[in-house]
Amino acid sequence: MPTILVSPLDETPRPATAPAPRLKTLAGKTVGLLDIGKPGGAIFLDRLAVLLEQRGAARIVRESKPTFTKPAPAEVMDRLAAAKVDAVIEGLAD
């Protein structure tokens, strides 16, 4: 019997879109760091927070997803929006 490999990727067709615009500077900006909950993610984001502050970010807002297997719940996204972040970086690790 032949072996059949199945792609784990979501193959749902989506229209091509432009990436989000990058910030011209970090000076005075609020950056959200979203931990998706994989092992090592918090360590990565801890270091990233230090680097962002060294490069001028005024404030770092940390949020975490309850599980990496699902999209962030509305409550997490609402808290990031309420914090008026200028950008969000999602961090994962393993």
C-alpha atoms as a PDB file:
ATOM      1  CA  MET A   1       0.000   0.000   0.000  1.00  0.00           C
ATOM      2  CA  PRO A   2       1.477   3.435  -0.926  1.00  0.00           C
ATOM      3  CA  THR A   3       2.161   6.103   1.683  1.00  0.00           C
ATOM      4  CA  ILE A   4      -0.010   9.206   1.339  1.00  0.00           C
ATOM      5  CA  LEU A   5       1.335  12.478   2.734  1.00  0.00           C
ATOM      6  CA  VAL A   6      -1.140  15.149   3.736  1.00  0.00           C
ATOM      7  CA  SER A   7      -0.142  18.811   3.949  1.00  0.00           C
ATOM      8  CA  PRO A   8      -0.704  20.331   7.411  1.00  0.00           C
ATOM      9  CA  LEU A   9      -1.048  23.775   5.849  1.00  0.00           C
ATOM     10  CA  ASP A  10      -4.338  25.577   5.521  1.00  0.00           C
ATOM     11  CA  GLU A  11      -4.825  25.595   1.761  1.00  0.00           C
ATOM     12  CA  THR A  12      -7.875  27.853   1.760  1.00  0.00           C
ATOM     13  CA  PRO A  13      -7.508  30.265  -1.167  1.00  0.00           C
ATOM     14  CA  ARG A  14      -7.200  33.885  -0.052  1.00  0.00           C
ATOM     15  CA  PRO A  15      -6.795  37.059  -2.050  1.00  0.00           C
ATOM     16  CA  ALA A  16      -3.291  38.516  -2.098  1.00  0.00           C
ATOM     17  CA  THR A  17      -2.952  41.538   0.177  1.00  0.00           C
ATOM     18  CA  ALA A  18      -0.206  44.025   0.900  1.00  0.00           C
ATOM     19  CA  PRO A  19       1.667  43.582   4.176  1.00  0.00           C
ATOM     20  CA  ALA A  20       0.904  45.998   6.997  1.00  0.00           C
ATOM     21  CA  PRO A  21       2.912  49.206   6.733  1.00  0.00           C
ATOM     22  CA  ARG A  22       6.047  49.285   8.849  1.00  0.00           C
ATOM     23  CA  LEU A  23       6.613  51.966  11.462  1.00  0.00           C
ATOM     24  CA  LYS A  24       9.114  54.587  10.332  1.00  0.00           C
ATOM     25  CA  THR A  25      10.459  54.836  13.870  1.00  0.00           C
ATOM     26  CA  LEU A  26       9.932  53.265  17.282  1.00  0.00           C
ATOM     27  CA  ALA A  27      10.405  56.602  19.034  1.00  0.00           C
ATOM     28  CA  GLY A  28       7.439  57.233  21.280  1.00  0.00           C
ATOM     29  CA  LYS A  29       5.524  54.201  20.000  1.00  0.00           C
ATOM     30  CA  THR A  30       3.591  51.582  21.944  1.00  0.00           C
ATOM     31  CA  VAL A  31       4.358  48.063  20.797  1.00  0.00           C
ATOM     32  CA  GLY A  32       2.215  45.057  21.658  1.00  0.00           C
ATOM     33  CA  LEU A  33       3.896  41.699  22.146  1.00  0.00           C
ATOM     34  CA  LEU A  34       1.560  38.735  21.733  1.00  0.00           C
ATOM     35  CA  ASP A  35       2.760  35.448  23.209  1.00  0.00           C
ATOM     36  CA  ILE A  36       0.987  32.579  21.467  1.00  0.00           C
ATOM     37  CA  GLY A  37       1.770  30.192  24.316  1.00  0.00           C
ATOM     38  CA  LYS A  38       4.409  27.899  22.818  1.00  0.00           C
ATOM     39  CA  PRO A  39       7.351  26.845  24.988  1.00  0.00           C
ATOM     40  CA  GLY A  40      10.127  29.441  24.895  1.00  0.00           C
ATOM     41  CA  GLY A  41       7.936  32.207  23.497  1.00  0.00           C
ATOM     42  CA  ALA A  42       8.039  34.289  26.673  1.00  0.00           C
ATOM     43  CA  ILE A  43      11.850  34.123  26.734  1.00  0.00           C
ATOM     44  CA  PHE A  44      12.001  35.361  23.147  1.00  0.00           C
ATOM     45  CA  LEU A  45       9.526  38.184  23.842  1.00  0.00           C
ATOM     46  CA  ASP A  46      11.368  39.196  27.044  1.00  0.00           C
ATOM     47  CA  ARG A  47      14.520  39.766  25.005  1.00  0.00           C
ATOM     48  CA  LEU A  48      12.603  41.481  22.214  1.00  0.00           C
ATOM     49  CA  ALA A  49      11.027  43.891  24.730  1.00  0.00           C
ATOM     50  CA  VAL A  50      14.489  44.932  25.919  1.00  0.00           C
ATOM     51  CA  LEU A  51      15.679  45.499  22.337  1.00  0.00           C
ATOM     52  CA  LEU A  52      12.575  47.501  21.421  1.00  0.00           C
ATOM     53  CA  GLU A  53      12.988  49.758  24.450  1.00  0.00           C
ATOM     54  CA  GLN A  54      16.679  50.262  23.615  1.00  0.00           C
ATOM     55  CA  ARG A  55      15.575  51.364  20.141  1.00  0.00           C
ATOM     56  CA  GLY A  56      13.129  53.957  21.445  1.00  0.00           C
ATOM     57  CA  ALA A  57       9.793  52.245  22.036  1.00  0.00           C
ATOM     58  CA  ALA A  58       7.992  54.234  24.731  1.00  0.00           C
ATOM     59  CA  ARG A  59       5.852  51.382  26.037  1.00  0.00           C
ATOM     60  CA  ILE A  60       5.563  47.619  25.668  1.00  0.00           C
ATOM     61  CA  VAL A  61       2.195  45.926  26.164  1.00  0.00           C
ATOM     62  CA  ARG A  62       2.251  42.162  26.753  1.00  0.00           C
ATOM     63  CA  GLU A  63      -0.673  39.850  26.036  1.00  0.00           C
ATOM     64  CA  SER A  64      -0.922  36.071  25.791  1.00  0.00           C
ATOM     65  CA  LYS A  65      -3.189  33.676  23.966  1.00  0.00           C
ATOM     66  CA  PRO A  66      -4.591  30.888  26.138  1.00  0.00           C
ATOM     67  CA  THR A  67      -3.527  28.290  23.551  1.00  0.00           C
ATOM     68  CA  PHE A  68      -1.421  28.278  20.401  1.00  0.00           C
ATOM     69  CA  THR A  69      -3.890  25.974  18.642  1.00  0.00           C
ATOM     70  CA  LYS A  70      -6.560  28.630  18.091  1.00  0.00           C
ATOM     71  CA  PRO A  71      -6.694  32.293  17.047  1.00  0.00           C
ATOM     72  CA  ALA A  72      -6.449  34.880  19.805  1.00  0.00           C
ATOM     73  CA  PRO A  73      -9.812  35.387  21.494  1.00  0.00           C
ATOM     74  CA  ALA A  74     -11.634  38.670  21.008  1.00  0.00           C
ATOM     75  CA  GLU A  75     -10.824  39.670  24.607  1.00  0.00           C
ATOM     76  CA  VAL A  76      -7.079  39.526  23.927  1.00  0.00           C
ATOM     77  CA  MET A  77      -7.425  41.524  20.722  1.00  0.00           C
ATOM     78  CA  ASP A  78      -9.703  44.027  22.484  1.00  0.00           C
ATOM     79  CA  ARG A  79      -7.088  44.586  25.206  1.00  0.00           C
ATOM     80  CA  LEU A  80      -4.415  45.267  22.572  1.00  0.00           C
ATOM     81  CA  ALA A  81      -6.748  47.684  20.796  1.00  0.00           C
ATOM     82  CA  ALA A  82      -7.639  49.412  24.080  1.00  0.00           C
ATOM     83  CA  ALA A  83      -3.919  49.873  24.781  1.00  0.00           C
ATOM     84  CA  LYS A  84      -3.714  51.837  21.505  1.00  0.00           C
ATOM     85  CA  VAL A  85      -0.687  49.917  20.287  1.00  0.00           C
ATOM     86  CA  ASP A  86       1.059  51.223  17.186  1.00  0.00           C
ATOM     87  CA  ALA A  87       2.218  47.726  16.211  1.00  0.00           C
ATOM     88  CA  VAL A  88       1.922  44.140  17.392  1.00  0.00           C
ATOM     89  CA  ILE A  89       4.592  41.469  17.189  1.00  0.00           C
ATOM     90  CA  GLU A  90       3.462  37.895  17.607  1.00  0.00           C
ATOM     91  CA  GLY A  91       6.133  35.673  19.079  1.00  0.00           C
ATOM     92  CA  LEU A  92       6.432  31.945  18.957  1.00  0.00           C
ATOM     93  CA  ALA A  93       9.170  29.521  19.784  1.00  0.00           C
ATOM     94  CA  ASP A  94       9.819  25.862  20.507  1.00  0.00           C
END
